[in-house]
Protein backbone atom coordinates (compact mmCIF):
# COMPACT_ATOMS: atom_id res chain seq x y z
CA MET A 1 105.14 108.24 119.46
CA LYS A 2 107.23 109.57 116.60
CA VAL A 3 109.33 112.65 117.24
CA ILE A 4 111.80 114.79 115.36
CA LEU A 5 115.10 115.29 117.16
CA PHE A 6 118.03 117.61 116.46
CA ASN A 7 121.70 116.75 116.93
CA THR A 8 123.42 119.99 118.00
CA SER A 9 126.93 118.60 117.48
CA ASN A 10 126.54 118.05 113.72
CA GLY A 11 123.37 120.00 112.85
CA SER A 12 121.31 117.07 111.59
CA ALA A 13 117.64 116.44 112.30
CA PHE A 14 116.23 112.93 112.40
CA GLU A 15 113.08 111.02 113.24
CA MET A 16 112.84 108.50 116.04
CA GLN A 17 110.06 106.41 117.51
CA PHE A 18 109.54 105.82 121.24
CA THR A 19 106.94 103.74 123.04
CA ASN A 20 106.18 106.52 125.52
CA ALA A 21 107.32 109.93 126.79
CA ARG A 22 109.38 108.41 129.60
CA GLN A 23 111.49 106.42 127.13
CA MET A 24 112.13 109.60 125.13
CA LYS A 25 113.07 111.53 128.27
CA ASN A 26 115.57 108.82 129.25
CA TYR A 27 117.10 108.94 125.77
CA LEU A 28 117.42 112.73 125.87
CA ASP A 29 118.93 112.62 129.38
CA LYS A 30 121.62 110.18 128.20
CA ASN A 31 122.38 112.14 125.01
CA ALA A 32 122.98 115.77 125.96
CA GLU A 33 123.71 116.86 122.38
CA ILE A 34 120.23 115.76 121.19
CA GLU A 35 117.30 118.18 121.46
CA PHE A 36 113.59 117.60 120.96
CA LEU A 37 112.16 119.60 118.03
CA SER A 38 108.58 118.40 117.61
CA GLU A 39 106.22 115.47 117.57
CA HIS A 40 105.75 113.93 114.13
CA ASN A 41 102.04 113.66 113.41
CA SER A 42 101.79 113.91 109.65
CA TYR A 43 101.15 110.87 107.51
CA LEU A 44 101.83 110.62 103.81
CA PRO A 45 100.18 107.57 102.27
CA THR A 46 102.05 105.59 99.66
CA ARG A 47 101.37 106.21 95.98
CA HIS A 48 99.50 102.91 95.77
CA GLN A 49 97.14 103.97 98.57
CA ARG A 50 96.55 107.41 97.03
CA MET A 51 95.65 105.92 93.63
CA GLN A 52 92.83 103.76 95.03
């Protein structure tokens, strides 16, 4: 599962991949300054794939 997370200490958003929701919950519990924003579901194919 890909998610978008937000670092409240420096204001940056970033993408991370977890194998399951429990792994993400453990990560968020250990890093109090990180907040969950949303799940990343969109997919943008590469230019090569779009041109086919």
